[in-house]
Amino acid sequence: MIRYSLLCDADHEFEAWFSNSDGFDDQAARGLVECPHCGSMQVRKALAAPAVATSRKREASAAHQMAEMANKVKAHIRKNYDYVGDDFAREARAIHDGDKPARLIYGEASLNDTKALSEDGVPVTPLPDAFAPTPPKKAN
């Protein structure tokens, strides 16, 4: 579908949708396009600048969408997970082994600790910095 801005011979502006770019020409030639304001069949396409997405605009839009997604992930983690700081590996293993009650946690762990947890079947997902929430501030 394509939308055209149209003008009649009385300078009434209106828009109409056509199945493809040749649709307007075909329908106008057959007398099927008329101005909804005055009924004139003398209708032409109005000058219009197309909305062209440049690579810069697409990149900015993609970056904006990624930032929004990262913020949603961060907010979800902050709301639903307990922050355990540097004790993450120990807490995750204790929860997995049943030594501590099950709960959702997040915190910091070294690459070696994360790898060891994963090899032992402890579910762990490292997050890229962009998606990792900042730790909550400590109460004074």
C-alpha atoms as a PDB file:
ATOM      1  CA  MET A   1       0.000   0.000   0.000  1.00  0.00           C
ATOM      2  CA  ILE A   2       1.116   3.521  -0.735  1.00  0.00           C
ATOM      3  CA  ARG A   3      -0.376   6.791   0.462  1.00  0.00           C
ATOM      4  CA  TYR A   4      -0.413   9.844  -1.762  1.00  0.00           C
ATOM      5  CA  SER A   5      -1.167  13.450  -0.944  1.00  0.00           C
ATOM      6  CA  LEU A   6      -3.513  14.662  -3.666  1.00  0.00           C
ATOM      7  CA  LEU A   7      -4.796  18.008  -4.953  1.00  0.00           C
ATOM      8  CA  CYS A   8      -7.869  18.745  -7.030  1.00  0.00           C
ATOM      9  CA  ASP A   9      -8.192  21.615  -9.525  1.00  0.00           C
ATOM     10  CA  ALA A  10      -9.855  23.681  -6.760  1.00  0.00           C
ATOM     11  CA  ASP A  11      -6.734  23.238  -4.588  1.00  0.00           C
ATOM     12  CA  HIS A  12      -8.411  20.962  -2.054  1.00  0.00           C
ATOM     13  CA  GLU A  13      -5.817  18.731  -0.399  1.00  0.00           C
ATOM     14  CA  PHE A  14      -6.566  15.170   0.643  1.00  0.00           C
ATOM     15  CA  GLU A  15      -4.876  11.803   0.969  1.00  0.00           C
ATOM     16  CA  ALA A  16      -5.674   8.450  -0.560  1.00  0.00           C
ATOM     17  CA  TRP A  17      -4.227   4.946  -0.385  1.00  0.00           C
ATOM     18  CA  PHE A  18      -3.433   2.843  -3.429  1.00  0.00           C
ATOM     19  CA  SER A  19      -2.330  -0.769  -3.771  1.00  0.00           C
ATOM     20  CA  ASN A  20       0.941   0.209  -5.461  1.00  0.00           C
ATOM     21  CA  SER A  21       2.682   3.156  -7.126  1.00  0.00           C
ATOM     22  CA  ASP A  22       0.802   2.623 -10.423  1.00  0.00           C
ATOM     23  CA  GLY A  23      -2.560   2.431  -8.657  1.00  0.00           C
ATOM     24  CA  PHE A  24      -3.197   6.183  -8.658  1.00  0.00           C
ATOM     25  CA  ASP A  25      -2.369   6.586 -12.357  1.00  0.00           C
ATOM     26  CA  ASP A  26      -4.595   3.669 -13.326  1.00  0.00           C
ATOM     27  CA  GLN A  27      -7.574   4.787 -11.211  1.00  0.00           C
ATOM     28  CA  ALA A  28      -7.264   8.447 -12.210  1.00  0.00           C
ATOM     29  CA  ALA A  29      -7.200   7.480 -15.913  1.00  0.00           C
ATOM     30  CA  ARG A  30     -10.411   5.491 -15.418  1.00  0.00           C
ATOM     31  CA  GLY A  31     -12.109   8.408 -13.591  1.00  0.00           C
ATOM     32  CA  LEU A  32     -12.173   6.623 -10.230  1.00  0.00           C
ATOM     33  CA  VAL A  33     -10.410   9.292  -8.151  1.00  0.00           C
ATOM     34  CA  GLU A  34     -12.419  12.295  -7.053  1.00  0.00           C
ATOM     35  CA  CYS A  35     -11.992  15.068  -4.521  1.00  0.00           C
ATOM     36  CA  PRO A  36     -13.954  14.301  -1.346  1.00  0.00           C
ATOM     37  CA  HIS A  37     -14.510  18.040  -0.795  1.00  0.00           C
ATOM     38  CA  CYS A  38     -15.956  19.111  -4.141  1.00  0.00           C
ATOM     39  CA  GLY A  39     -16.277  15.977  -6.266  1.00  0.00           C
ATOM     40  CA  SER A  40     -13.828  17.157  -8.921  1.00  0.00           C
ATOM     41  CA  MET A  41     -12.277  14.391 -11.020  1.00  0.00           C
ATOM     42  CA  GLN A  42      -9.346  16.669 -11.939  1.00  0.00           C
ATOM     43  CA  VAL A  43      -6.973  15.281  -9.307  1.00  0.00           C
ATOM     44  CA  ARG A  44      -3.187  15.179  -9.302  1.00  0.00           C
ATOM     45  CA  LYS A  45      -0.457  14.087  -6.917  1.00  0.00           C
ATOM     46  CA  ALA A  46       0.714  16.871  -4.640  1.00  0.00           C
ATOM     47  CA  LEU A  47       4.404  17.525  -4.237  1.00  0.00           C
ATOM     48  CA  ALA A  48       5.666  15.633  -1.236  1.00  0.00           C
ATOM     49  CA  ALA A  49       9.040  14.887   0.240  1.00  0.00           C
ATOM     50  CA  PRO A  50       9.393  11.199   0.993  1.00  0.00           C
ATOM     51  CA  ALA A  51      10.401  10.157   4.492  1.00  0.00           C
ATOM     52  CA  VAL A  52      13.735   8.543   3.802  1.00  0.00           C
ATOM     53  CA  ALA A  53      15.489   6.745   6.604  1.00  0.00           C
ATOM     54  CA  THR A  54      19.180   7.450   6.328  1.00  0.00           C
ATOM     55  CA  SER A  55      21.724   5.047   7.763  1.00  0.00           C
ATOM     56  CA  ARG A  56      22.442   7.588  10.504  1.00  0.00           C
ATOM     57  CA  LYS A  57      18.753   7.774  11.437  1.00  0.00           C
ATOM     58  CA  ARG A  58      18.484   3.964  11.422  1.00  0.00           C
ATOM     59  CA  GLU A  59      21.576   3.676  13.627  1.00  0.00           C
ATOM     60  CA  ALA A  60      20.236   6.299  16.037  1.00  0.00           C
ATOM     61  CA  SER A  61      16.885   4.521  16.163  1.00  0.00           C
ATOM     62  CA  ALA A  62      18.527   1.145  16.779  1.00  0.00           C
ATOM     63  CA  ALA A  63      20.733   2.643  19.500  1.00  0.00           C
ATOM     64  CA  HIS A  64      17.667   4.227  21.112  1.00  0.00           C
ATOM     65  CA  GLN A  65      15.791   0.900  21.034  1.00  0.00           C
ATOM     66  CA  MET A  66      18.770  -0.923  22.563  1.00  0.00           C
ATOM     67  CA  ALA A  67      19.046   1.680  25.336  1.00  0.00           C
ATOM     68  CA  GLU A  68      15.327   1.333  26.087  1.00  0.00           C
ATOM     69  CA  MET A  69      15.647  -2.452  26.189  1.00  0.00           C
ATOM     70  CA  ALA A  70      18.691  -2.255  28.468  1.00  0.00           C
ATOM     71  CA  ASN A  71      16.818   0.065  30.833  1.00  0.00           C
ATOM     72  CA  LYS A  72      13.869  -2.348  30.961  1.00  0.00           C
ATOM     73  CA  VAL A  73      16.178  -5.266  31.743  1.00  0.00           C
ATOM     74  CA  LYS A  74      17.914  -3.259  34.477  1.00  0.00           C
ATOM     75  CA  ALA A  75      14.599  -2.194  36.022  1.00  0.00           C
ATOM     76  CA  HIS A  76      13.295  -5.769  35.950  1.00  0.00           C
ATOM     77  CA  ILE A  77      16.409  -7.096  37.679  1.00  0.00           C
ATOM     78  CA  ARG A  78      16.389  -4.361  40.332  1.00  0.00           C
ATOM     79  CA  LYS A  79      12.725  -5.019  41.064  1.00  0.00           C
ATOM     80  CA  ASN A  80      12.763  -8.824  41.097  1.00  0.00           C
ATOM     81  CA  TYR A  81      16.274  -9.899  42.150  1.00  0.00           C
ATOM     82  CA  ASP A  82      18.262  -9.513  45.381  1.00  0.00           C
ATOM     83  CA  TYR A  83      21.651  -7.854  45.074  1.00  0.00           C
ATOM     84  CA  VAL A  84      24.366  -9.992  46.702  1.00  0.00           C
ATOM     85  CA  GLY A  85      27.444  -8.079  45.536  1.00  0.00           C
ATOM     86  CA  ASP A  86      30.756  -9.944  45.486  1.00  0.00           C
ATOM     87  CA  ASP A  87      29.132 -12.939  47.208  1.00  0.00           C
ATOM     88  CA  PHE A  88      27.329 -13.877  43.984  1.00  0.00           C
ATOM     89  CA  ALA A  89      29.243 -17.107  43.243  1.00  0.00           C
ATOM     90  CA  ARG A  90      28.955 -18.366  46.834  1.00  0.00           C
ATOM     91  CA  GLU A  91      25.242 -17.439  47.084  1.00  0.00           C
ATOM     92  CA  ALA A  92      24.381 -18.949  43.694  1.00  0.00           C
ATOM     93  CA  ARG A  93      26.105 -22.224  44.599  1.00  0.00           C
ATOM     94  CA  ALA A  94      24.420 -22.330  48.026  1.00  0.00           C
ATOM     95  CA  ILE A  95      20.993 -21.785  46.450  1.00  0.00           C
ATOM     96  CA  HIS A  96      21.701 -24.429  43.800  1.00  0.00           C
ATOM     97  CA  ASP A  97      22.882 -26.946  46.410  1.00  0.00           C
ATOM     98  CA  GLY A  98      19.815 -26.300  48.583  1.00  0.00           C
ATOM     99  CA  ASP A  99      21.821 -24.813  51.455  1.00  0.00           C
ATOM    100  CA  LYS A 100      19.933 -21.521  51.111  1.00  0.00           C
ATOM    101  CA  PRO A 101      16.335 -20.839  50.083  1.00  0.00           C
ATOM    102  CA  ALA A 102      15.710 -20.333  46.361  1.00  0.00           C
ATOM    103  CA  ARG A 103      15.549 -16.722  45.245  1.00  0.00           C
ATOM    104  CA  LEU A 104      16.603 -14.610  42.303  1.00  0.00           C
ATOM    105  CA  ILE A 105      19.956 -12.897  42.811  1.00  0.00           C
ATOM    106  CA  TYR A 106      22.418 -10.689  40.972  1.00  0.00           C
ATOM    107  CA  GLY A 107      25.882  -9.438  41.762  1.00  0.00           C
ATOM    108  CA  GLU A 108      29.491  -9.596  40.659  1.00  0.00           C
ATOM    109  CA  ALA A 109      31.577 -12.655  39.882  1.00  0.00           C
ATOM    110  CA  SER A 110      34.862 -13.277  38.146  1.00  0.00           C
ATOM    111  CA  LEU A 111      34.948 -14.964  34.769  1.00  0.00           C
ATOM    112  CA  ASN A 112      36.511 -18.047  36.426  1.00  0.00           C
ATOM    113  CA  ASP A 113      33.754 -18.187  39.067  1.00  0.00           C
ATOM    114  CA  THR A 114      31.062 -17.814  36.417  1.00  0.00           C
ATOM    115  CA  LYS A 115      32.623 -20.562  34.304  1.00  0.00           C
ATOM    116  CA  ALA A 116      32.895 -22.899  37.322  1.00  0.00           C
ATOM    117  CA  LEU A 117      29.256 -22.287  38.261  1.00  0.00           C
ATOM    118  CA  SER A 118      28.130 -23.011  34.725  1.00  0.00           C
ATOM    119  CA  GLU A 119      30.234 -26.205  34.520  1.00  0.00           C
ATOM    120  CA  ASP A 120      28.651 -27.389  37.777  1.00  0.00           C
ATOM    121  CA  GLY A 121      25.148 -26.881  36.385  1.00  0.00           C
ATOM    122  CA  VAL A 122      24.383 -23.709  38.345  1.00  0.00           C
ATOM    123  CA  PRO A 123      22.226 -21.497  36.103  1.00  0.00           C
ATOM    124  CA  VAL A 124      24.088 -18.226  35.623  1.00  0.00           C
ATOM    125  CA  THR A 125      23.934 -15.573  32.928  1.00  0.00           C
ATOM    126  CA  PRO A 126      26.641 -12.943  32.665  1.00  0.00           C
ATOM    127  CA  LEU A 127      25.242  -9.626  31.482  1.00  0.00           C
ATOM    128  CA  PRO A 128      26.984  -7.105  29.246  1.00  0.00           C
ATOM    129  CA  ASP A 129      27.739  -3.886  31.112  1.00  0.00           C
ATOM    130  CA  ALA A 130      24.977  -2.071  29.215  1.00  0.00           C
ATOM    131  CA  PHE A 131      22.384  -4.444  30.703  1.00  0.00           C
ATOM    132  CA  ALA A 132      23.853  -4.833  34.189  1.00  0.00           C
ATOM    133  CA  PRO A 133      22.020  -2.786  36.801  1.00  0.00           C
ATOM    134  CA  THR A 134      24.000  -0.600  39.127  1.00  0.00           C
ATOM    135  CA  PRO A 135      24.127  -1.959  42.673  1.00  0.00           C
ATOM    136  CA  PRO A 136      21.712  -0.359  45.126  1.00  0.00           C
ATOM    137  CA  LYS A 137      23.174   2.332  47.345  1.00  0.00           C
ATOM    138  CA  LYS A 138      24.095   1.228  50.838  1.00  0.00           C
ATOM    139  CA  ALA A 139      22.107   2.747  53.676  1.00  0.00           C
ATOM    140  CA  ASN A 140      24.155   4.949  56.011  1.00  0.00           C
END
